[in-house]
């Protein structure tokens, strides 16, 4: 997903996707700070998904995304 993903984050994501039939993510950047080739974005939104048992669920999400510019491309390097 990104170079800095921890083994705990990777395991949690793997478990989540293994137990999910469908997923819709609605995300918005609430704040963006850019300093040279580094950027920090505050992201919020909602995950709407159907579990493997067929139950529909909604989950609010908020996180901080760290990005790094490589030429003309921004790359995700961490999620906190």
PDB file of N, CA and C in Angstrom:
ATOM      1  N   UNK A   1       0.822  -1.184   0.000  1.00  0.00           N
ATOM      2  CA  UNK A   1       0.000   0.000   0.000  1.00  0.00           C
ATOM      3  C   UNK A   1       0.866   1.246   0.000  1.00  0.00           C
ATOM      4  N   UNK A   2       1.798   1.321   0.923  1.00  0.00           N
ATOM      5  CA  UNK A   2       2.774   2.395   0.954  1.00  0.00           C
ATOM      6  C   UNK A   2       4.000   1.887   1.707  1.00  0.00           C
ATOM      7  N   UNK A   3       5.168   2.481   1.463  1.00  0.00           N
ATOM      8  CA  UNK A   3       6.412   1.919   2.009  1.00  0.00           C
ATOM      9  C   UNK A   3       6.457   1.804   3.532  1.00  0.00           C
ATOM     10  N   UNK A   4       5.821   2.707   4.269  1.00  0.00           N
ATOM     11  CA  UNK A   4       5.928   2.704   5.725  1.00  0.00           C
ATOM     12  C   UNK A   4       4.857   1.921   6.453  1.00  0.00           C
ATOM     13  N   UNK A   5       4.047   1.130   5.759  1.00  0.00           N
ATOM     14  CA  UNK A   5       2.965   0.400   6.422  1.00  0.00           C
ATOM     15  C   UNK A   5       3.568  -0.582   7.429  1.00  0.00           C
ATOM     16  N   UNK A   6       3.049  -0.535   8.667  1.00  0.00           N
ATOM     17  CA  UNK A   6       3.556  -1.432   9.703  1.00  0.00           C
ATOM     18  C   UNK A   6       2.919  -2.810   9.547  1.00  0.00           C
ATOM     19  N   UNK A   7       3.512  -3.805  10.170  1.00  0.00           N
ATOM     20  CA  UNK A   7       2.949  -5.156  10.075  1.00  0.00           C
ATOM     21  C   UNK A   7       1.575  -5.212  10.743  1.00  0.00           C
ATOM     22  N   UNK A   8       1.363  -4.449  11.830  1.00  0.00           N
ATOM     23  CA  UNK A   8       0.047  -4.409  12.474  1.00  0.00           C
ATOM     24  C   UNK A   8      -0.995  -3.776  11.557  1.00  0.00           C
ATOM     25  N   UNK A   9      -0.636  -2.677  10.880  1.00  0.00           N
ATOM     26  CA  UNK A   9      -1.554  -2.037   9.940  1.00  0.00           C
ATOM     27  C   UNK A   9      -1.870  -2.972   8.778  1.00  0.00           C
ATOM     28  N   UNK A  10      -0.849  -3.640   8.274  1.00  0.00           N
ATOM     29  CA  UNK A  10      -1.045  -4.564   7.148  1.00  0.00           C
ATOM     30  C   UNK A  10      -1.976  -5.701   7.549  1.00  0.00           C
ATOM     31  N   UNK A  11      -1.791  -6.251   8.733  1.00  0.00           N
ATOM     32  CA  UNK A  11      -2.632  -7.346   9.221  1.00  0.00           C
ATOM     33  C   UNK A  11      -4.082  -6.875   9.402  1.00  0.00           C
ATOM     34  N   UNK A  12      -4.270  -5.677   9.985  1.00  0.00           N
ATOM     35  CA  UNK A  12      -5.620  -5.146  10.188  1.00  0.00           C
ATOM     36  C   UNK A  12      -6.325  -4.919   8.855  1.00  0.00           C
ATOM     37  N   UNK A  13      -5.616  -4.370   7.878  1.00  0.00           N
ATOM     38  CA  UNK A  13      -6.211  -4.154   6.557  1.00  0.00           C
ATOM     39  C   UNK A  13      -6.550  -5.476   5.877  1.00  0.00           C
ATOM     40  N   UNK A  14      -5.664  -6.426   5.971  1.00  0.00           N
ATOM     41  CA  UNK A  14      -5.896  -7.741   5.376  1.00  0.00           C
ATOM     42  C   UNK A  14      -7.132  -8.398   5.995  1.00  0.00           C
ATOM     43  N   UNK A  15      -7.242  -8.348   7.321  1.00  0.00           N
ATOM     44  CA  UNK A  15      -8.408  -8.918   8.009  1.00  0.00           C
ATOM     45  C   UNK A  15      -9.694  -8.215   7.589  1.00  0.00           C
ATOM     46  N   UNK A  16      -9.635  -6.883   7.501  1.00  0.00           N
ATOM     47  CA  UNK A  16     -10.819  -6.107   7.111  1.00  0.00           C
ATOM     48  C   UNK A  16     -11.286  -6.507   5.718  1.00  0.00           C
ATOM     49  N   UNK A  17     -10.373  -6.527   4.745  1.00  0.00           N
ATOM     50  CA  UNK A  17     -10.771  -6.857   3.377  1.00  0.00           C
ATOM     51  C   UNK A  17     -11.200  -8.315   3.234  1.00  0.00           C
ATOM     52  N   UNK A  18     -10.649  -9.201   4.032  1.00  0.00           N
ATOM     53  CA  UNK A  18     -11.056 -10.606   3.988  1.00  0.00           C
ATOM     54  C   UNK A  18     -12.485 -10.785   4.490  1.00  0.00           C
ATOM     55  N   UNK A  19     -12.959  -9.875   5.346  1.00  0.00           N
ATOM     56  CA  UNK A  19     -14.306 -10.015   5.907  1.00  0.00           C
ATOM     57  C   UNK A  19     -15.314  -9.071   5.250  1.00  0.00           C
ATOM     58  N   UNK A  20     -14.945  -8.472   4.120  1.00  0.00           N
ATOM     59  CA  UNK A  20     -15.793  -7.478   3.460  1.00  0.00           C
ATOM     60  C   UNK A  20     -16.117  -7.906   2.035  1.00  0.00           C
ATOM     61  N   UNK A  21     -17.420  -7.881   1.700  1.00  0.00           N
ATOM     62  CA  UNK A  21     -17.851  -8.208   0.326  1.00  0.00           C
ATOM     63  C   UNK A  21     -17.731  -7.016  -0.601  1.00  0.00           C
ATOM     64  N   UNK A  22     -18.140  -5.843  -0.111  1.00  0.00           N
ATOM     65  CA  UNK A  22     -18.081  -4.629  -0.925  1.00  0.00           C
ATOM     66  C   UNK A  22     -17.740  -3.455  -0.022  1.00  0.00           C
ATOM     67  N   UNK A  23     -17.150  -2.438  -0.607  1.00  0.00           N
ATOM     68  CA  UNK A  23     -16.713  -1.277   0.165  1.00  0.00           C
ATOM     69  C   UNK A  23     -16.864  -0.022  -0.664  1.00  0.00           C
ATOM     70  N   UNK A  24     -17.401   1.006  -0.032  1.00  0.00           N
ATOM     71  CA  UNK A  24     -17.468   2.335  -0.647  1.00  0.00           C
ATOM     72  C   UNK A  24     -16.848   3.301   0.356  1.00  0.00           C
ATOM     73  N   UNK A  25     -15.828   4.002  -0.065  1.00  0.00           N
ATOM     74  CA  UNK A  25     -15.156   4.974   0.800  1.00  0.00           C
ATOM     75  C   UNK A  25     -15.439   6.378   0.285  1.00  0.00           C
ATOM     76  N   UNK A  26     -15.920   7.235   1.158  1.00  0.00           N
ATOM     77  CA  UNK A  26     -16.139   8.637   0.842  1.00  0.00           C
ATOM     78  C   UNK A  26     -15.185   9.425   1.731  1.00  0.00           C
ATOM     79  N   UNK A  27     -14.169  10.042   1.123  1.00  0.00           N
ATOM     80  CA  UNK A  27     -13.127  10.729   1.878  1.00  0.00           C
ATOM     81  C   UNK A  27     -12.969  12.161   1.393  1.00  0.00           C
ATOM     82  N   UNK A  28     -12.615  13.050   2.333  1.00  0.00           N
ATOM     83  CA  UNK A  28     -12.351  14.453   2.008  1.00  0.00           C
ATOM     84  C   UNK A  28     -11.106  14.909   2.746  1.00  0.00           C
ATOM     85  N   UNK A  29     -10.326  15.752   2.107  1.00  0.00           N
ATOM     86  CA  UNK A  29      -9.172  16.362   2.759  1.00  0.00           C
ATOM     87  C   UNK A  29      -9.673  17.608   3.493  1.00  0.00           C
ATOM     88  N   UNK A  30      -9.472  17.631   4.811  1.00  0.00           N
ATOM     89  CA  UNK A  30      -9.951  18.752   5.627  1.00  0.00           C
ATOM     90  C   UNK A  30      -8.874  19.802   5.845  1.00  0.00           C
ATOM     91  N   UNK A  31      -7.638  19.413   5.728  1.00  0.00           N
ATOM     92  CA  UNK A  31      -6.533  20.340   5.930  1.00  0.00           C
ATOM     93  C   UNK A  31      -5.328  19.786   5.190  1.00  0.00           C
ATOM     94  N   UNK A  32      -4.609  20.636   4.510  1.00  0.00           N
ATOM     95  CA  UNK A  32      -3.419  20.214   3.776  1.00  0.00           C
ATOM     96  C   UNK A  32      -2.308  21.205   4.039  1.00  0.00           C
ATOM     97  N   UNK A  33      -1.194  20.703   4.521  1.00  0.00           N
ATOM     98  CA  UNK A  33      -0.022  21.548   4.749  1.00  0.00           C
ATOM     99  C   UNK A  33       1.113  21.022   3.882  1.00  0.00           C
ATOM    100  N   UNK A  34       1.660  21.899   3.049  1.00  0.00           N
ATOM    101  CA  UNK A  34       2.743  21.515   2.147  1.00  0.00           C
ATOM    102  C   UNK A  34       3.987  22.301   2.526  1.00  0.00           C
ATOM    103  N   UNK A  35       5.079  21.583   2.728  1.00  0.00           N
ATOM    104  CA  UNK A  35       6.373  22.197   2.997  1.00  0.00           C
ATOM    105  C   UNK A  35       7.391  21.548   2.072  1.00  0.00           C
ATOM    106  N   UNK A  36       7.711  22.242   0.995  1.00  0.00           N
ATOM    107  CA  UNK A  36       8.650  21.703   0.014  1.00  0.00           C
ATOM    108  C   UNK A  36       8.109  20.447  -0.635  1.00  0.00           C
ATOM    109  N   UNK A  37       8.839  19.345  -0.490  1.00  0.00           N
ATOM    110  CA  UNK A  37       8.447  18.082  -1.110  1.00  0.00           C
ATOM    111  C   UNK A  37       7.693  17.176  -0.152  1.00  0.00           C
ATOM    112  N   UNK A  38       7.240  17.728   0.987  1.00  0.00           N
ATOM    113  CA  UNK A  38       6.498  16.956   1.986  1.00  0.00           C
ATOM    114  C   UNK A  38       5.145  17.602   2.221  1.00  0.00           C
ATOM    115  N   UNK A  39       4.119  16.774   2.382  1.00  0.00           N
ATOM    116  CA  UNK A  39       2.778  17.285   2.661  1.00  0.00           C
ATOM    117  C   UNK A  39       2.115  16.418   3.721  1.00  0.00           C
ATOM    118  N   UNK A  40       1.293  17.071   4.541  1.00  0.00           N
ATOM    119  CA  UNK A  40       0.500  16.383   5.551  1.00  0.00           C
ATOM    120  C   UNK A  40      -0.959  16.734   5.298  1.00  0.00           C
ATOM    121  N   UNK A  41      -1.792  15.714   5.159  1.00  0.00           N
ATOM    122  CA  UNK A  41      -3.221  15.919   4.902  1.00  0.00           C
ATOM    123  C   UNK A  41      -4.032  15.306   6.039  1.00  0.00           C
ATOM    124  N   UNK A  42      -5.004  16.066   6.561  1.00  0.00           N
ATOM    125  CA  UNK A  42      -5.968  15.526   7.514  1.00  0.00           C
ATOM    126  C   UNK A  42      -7.164  15.075   6.680  1.00  0.00           C
ATOM    127  N   UNK A  43      -7.498  13.799   6.775  1.00  0.00           N
ATOM    128  CA  UNK A  43      -8.530  13.195   5.943  1.00  0.00           C
ATOM    129  C   UNK A  43      -9.643  12.652   6.836  1.00  0.00           C
ATOM    130  N   UNK A  44     -10.875  12.852   6.421  1.00  0.00           N
ATOM    131  CA  UNK A  44     -12.017  12.317   7.154  1.00  0.00           C
ATOM    132  C   UNK A  44     -13.069  11.824   6.188  1.00  0.00           C
ATOM    133  N   UNK A  45     -13.937  10.963   6.683  1.00  0.00           N
ATOM    134  CA  UNK A  45     -14.997  10.462   5.825  1.00  0.00           C
ATOM    135  C   UNK A  45     -15.681   9.253   6.416  1.00  0.00           C
ATOM    136  N   UNK A  46     -16.215   8.417   5.542  1.00  0.00           N
ATOM    137  CA  UNK A  46     -16.991   7.256   5.955  1.00  0.00           C
ATOM    138  C   UNK A  46     -16.670   6.067   5.060  1.00  0.00           C
ATOM    139  N   UNK A  47     -16.536   4.902   5.684  1.00  0.00           N
ATOM    140  CA  UNK A  47     -16.495   3.641   4.957  1.00  0.00           C
ATOM    141  C   UNK A  47     -17.874   3.013   5.074  1.00  0.00           C
ATOM    142  N   UNK A  48     -18.489   2.674   3.958  1.00  0.00           N
ATOM    143  CA  UNK A  48     -19.748   1.925   3.932  1.00  0.00           C
ATOM    144  C   UNK A  48     -19.420   0.582   3.309  1.00  0.00           C
ATOM    145  N   UNK A  49     -19.746  -0.491   4.022  1.00  0.00           N
ATOM    146  CA  UNK A  49     -19.359  -1.806   3.520  1.00  0.00           C
ATOM    147  C   UNK A  49     -20.370  -2.867   3.904  1.00  0.00           C
ATOM    148  N   UNK A  50     -20.291  -3.973   3.195  1.00  0.00           N
ATOM    149  CA  UNK A  50     -21.103  -5.146   3.484  1.00  0.00           C
ATOM    150  C   UNK A  50     -20.158  -6.243   3.945  1.00  0.00           C
ATOM    151  N   UNK A  51     -20.438  -6.796   5.114  1.00  0.00           N
ATOM    152  CA  UNK A  51     -19.584  -7.852   5.652  1.00  0.00           C
ATOM    153  C   UNK A  51     -19.797  -9.145   4.881  1.00  0.00           C
ATOM    154  N   UNK A  52     -18.899 -10.106   5.087  1.00  0.00           N
ATOM    155  CA  UNK A  52     -19.045 -11.401   4.424  1.00  0.00           C
ATOM    156  C   UNK A  52     -20.289 -12.125   4.912  1.00  0.00           C
ATOM    157  N   UNK A  53     -20.848 -11.702   6.070  1.00  0.00           N
ATOM    158  CA  UNK A  53     -22.097 -12.276   6.578  1.00  0.00           C
ATOM    159  C   UNK A  53     -23.321 -11.580   5.980  1.00  0.00           C
ATOM    160  N   UNK A  54     -23.090 -10.544   5.138  1.00  0.00           N
ATOM    161  CA  UNK A  54     -24.199  -9.860   4.474  1.00  0.00           C
ATOM    162  C   UNK A  54     -24.744  -8.657   5.228  1.00  0.00           C
ATOM    163  N   UNK A  55     -24.124  -8.269   6.317  1.00  0.00           N
ATOM    164  CA  UNK A  55     -24.609  -7.127   7.113  1.00  0.00           C
ATOM    165  C   UNK A  55     -23.985  -5.833   6.605  1.00  0.00           C
ATOM    166  N   UNK A  56     -24.818  -4.819   6.367  1.00  0.00           N
ATOM    167  CA  UNK A  56     -24.339  -3.504   5.949  1.00  0.00           C
ATOM    168  C   UNK A  56     -23.880  -2.693   7.148  1.00  0.00           C
ATOM    169  N   UNK A  57     -22.751  -2.028   7.008  1.00  0.00           N
ATOM    170  CA  UNK A  57     -22.212  -1.224   8.098  1.00  0.00           C
ATOM    171  C   UNK A  57     -21.634   0.069   7.567  1.00  0.00           C
ATOM    172  N   UNK A  58     -21.562   1.063   8.471  1.00  0.00           N
ATOM    173  CA  UNK A  58     -20.917   2.339   8.195  1.00  0.00           C
ATOM    174  C   UNK A  58     -19.902   2.586   9.296  1.00  0.00           C
ATOM    175  N   UNK A  59     -18.748   3.124   8.923  1.00  0.00           N
ATOM    176  CA  UNK A  59     -17.713   3.402   9.901  1.00  0.00           C
ATOM    177  C   UNK A  59     -17.089   4.761   9.590  1.00  0.00           C
ATOM    178  N   UNK A  60     -17.157   5.715  10.528  1.00  0.00           N
ATOM    179  CA  UNK A  60     -16.473   6.991  10.298  1.00  0.00           C
ATOM    180  C   UNK A  60     -14.961   6.786  10.372  1.00  0.00           C
ATOM    181  N   UNK A  61     -14.218   7.539   9.576  1.00  0.00           N
ATOM    182  CA  UNK A  61     -12.758   7.441   9.588  1.00  0.00           C
ATOM    183  C   UNK A  61     -12.136   8.832   9.605  1.00  0.00           C
ATOM    184  N   UNK A  62     -11.051   8.953  10.326  1.00  0.00           N
ATOM    185  CA  UNK A  62     -10.237  10.163  10.366  1.00  0.00           C
ATOM    186  C   UNK A  62      -8.792   9.720  10.480  1.00  0.00           C
ATOM    187  N   UNK A  63      -7.936  10.278   9.653  1.00  0.00           N
ATOM    188  CA  UNK A  63      -6.529   9.931   9.733  1.00  0.00           C
ATOM    189  C   UNK A  63      -5.678  11.046   9.138  1.00  0.00           C
ATOM    190  N   UNK A  64      -4.406  10.932   9.378  1.00  0.00           N
ATOM    191  CA  UNK A  64      -3.436  11.858   8.822  1.00  0.00           C
ATOM    192  C   UNK A  64      -2.618  11.109   7.781  1.00  0.00           C
ATOM    193  N   UNK A  65      -2.499  11.674   6.607  1.00  0.00           N
ATOM    194  CA  UNK A  65      -1.717  11.068   5.531  1.00  0.00           C
ATOM    195  C   UNK A  65      -0.458  11.897   5.301  1.00  0.00           C
ATOM    196  N   UNK A  66       0.668  11.228   5.251  1.00  0.00           N
ATOM    197  CA  UNK A  66       1.944  11.880   4.959  1.00  0.00           C
ATOM    198  C   UNK A  66       2.305  11.550   3.514  1.00  0.00           C
ATOM    199  N   UNK A  67       2.638  12.581   2.746  1.00  0.00           N
ATOM    200  CA  UNK A  67       2.976  12.402   1.338  1.00  0.00           C
ATOM    201  C   UNK A  67       4.342  13.009   1.044  1.00  0.00           C
ATOM    202  N   UNK A  68       4.978  12.480   0.001  1.00  0.00           N
ATOM    203  CA  UNK A  68       6.271  12.995  -0.436  1.00  0.00           C
ATOM    204  C   UNK A  68       6.241  13.145  -1.951  1.00  0.00           C
ATOM    205  N   UNK A  69       6.720  14.292  -2.420  1.00  0.00           N
ATOM    206  CA  UNK A  69       6.739  14.539  -3.866  1.00  0.00           C
ATOM    207  C   UNK A  69       8.006  13.953  -4.472  1.00  0.00           C
ATOM    208  N   UNK A  70       7.814  13.195  -5.543  1.00  0.00           N
ATOM    209  CA  UNK A  70       8.909  12.603  -6.303  1.00  0.00           C
ATOM    210  C   UNK A  70       8.764  13.110  -7.727  1.00  0.00           C
ATOM    211  N   UNK A  71       9.436  14.182  -8.059  1.00  0.00           N
ATOM    212  CA  UNK A  71       9.260  14.815  -9.367  1.00  0.00           C
ATOM    213  C   UNK A  71       7.912  15.513  -9.417  1.00  0.00           C
ATOM    214  N   UNK A  72       7.041  15.061 -10.303  1.00  0.00           N
ATOM    215  CA  UNK A  72       5.699  15.653 -10.403  1.00  0.00           C
ATOM    216  C   UNK A  72       4.633  14.790  -9.737  1.00  0.00           C
ATOM    217  N   UNK A  73       5.060  13.706  -9.078  1.00  0.00           N
ATOM    218  CA  UNK A  73       4.128  12.759  -8.479  1.00  0.00           C
ATOM    219  C   UNK A  73       4.204  12.816  -6.964  1.00  0.00           C
ATOM    220  N   UNK A  74       3.034  12.829  -6.301  1.00  0.00           N
ATOM    221  CA  UNK A  74       2.970  12.732  -4.846  1.00  0.00           C
ATOM    222  C   UNK A  74       2.762  11.275  -4.477  1.00  0.00           C
ATOM    223  N   UNK A  75       3.537  10.784  -3.514  1.00  0.00           N
ATOM    224  CA  UNK A  75       3.444   9.393  -3.062  1.00  0.00           C
ATOM    225  C   UNK A  75       3.059   9.343  -1.595  1.00  0.00           C
ATOM    226  N   UNK A  76       2.149   8.448  -1.262  1.00  0.00           N
ATOM    227  CA  UNK A  76       1.738   8.213   0.120  1.00  0.00           C
ATOM    228  C   UNK A  76       2.850   7.464   0.831  1.00  0.00           C
ATOM    229  N   UNK A  77       3.339   8.005   1.952  1.00  0.00           N
ATOM    230  CA  UNK A  77       4.428   7.334   2.670  1.00  0.00           C
ATOM    231  C   UNK A  77       4.010   6.859   4.058  1.00  0.00           C
ATOM    232  N   UNK A  78       2.926   7.404   4.621  1.00  0.00           N
ATOM    233  CA  UNK A  78       2.473   6.946   5.944  1.00  0.00           C
ATOM    234  C   UNK A  78       1.030   7.376   6.182  1.00  0.00           C
ATOM    235  N   UNK A  79       0.336   6.568   6.965  1.00  0.00           N
ATOM    236  CA  UNK A  79      -1.023   6.877   7.429  1.00  0.00           C
ATOM    237  C   UNK A  79      -1.019   6.716   8.940  1.00  0.00           C
ATOM    238  N   UNK A  80      -1.495   7.733   9.613  1.00  0.00           N
ATOM    239  CA  UNK A  80      -1.524   7.689  11.097  1.00  0.00           C
ATOM    240  C   UNK A  80      -2.910   8.007  11.585  1.00  0.00           C
TER     241      UNK A  80
END
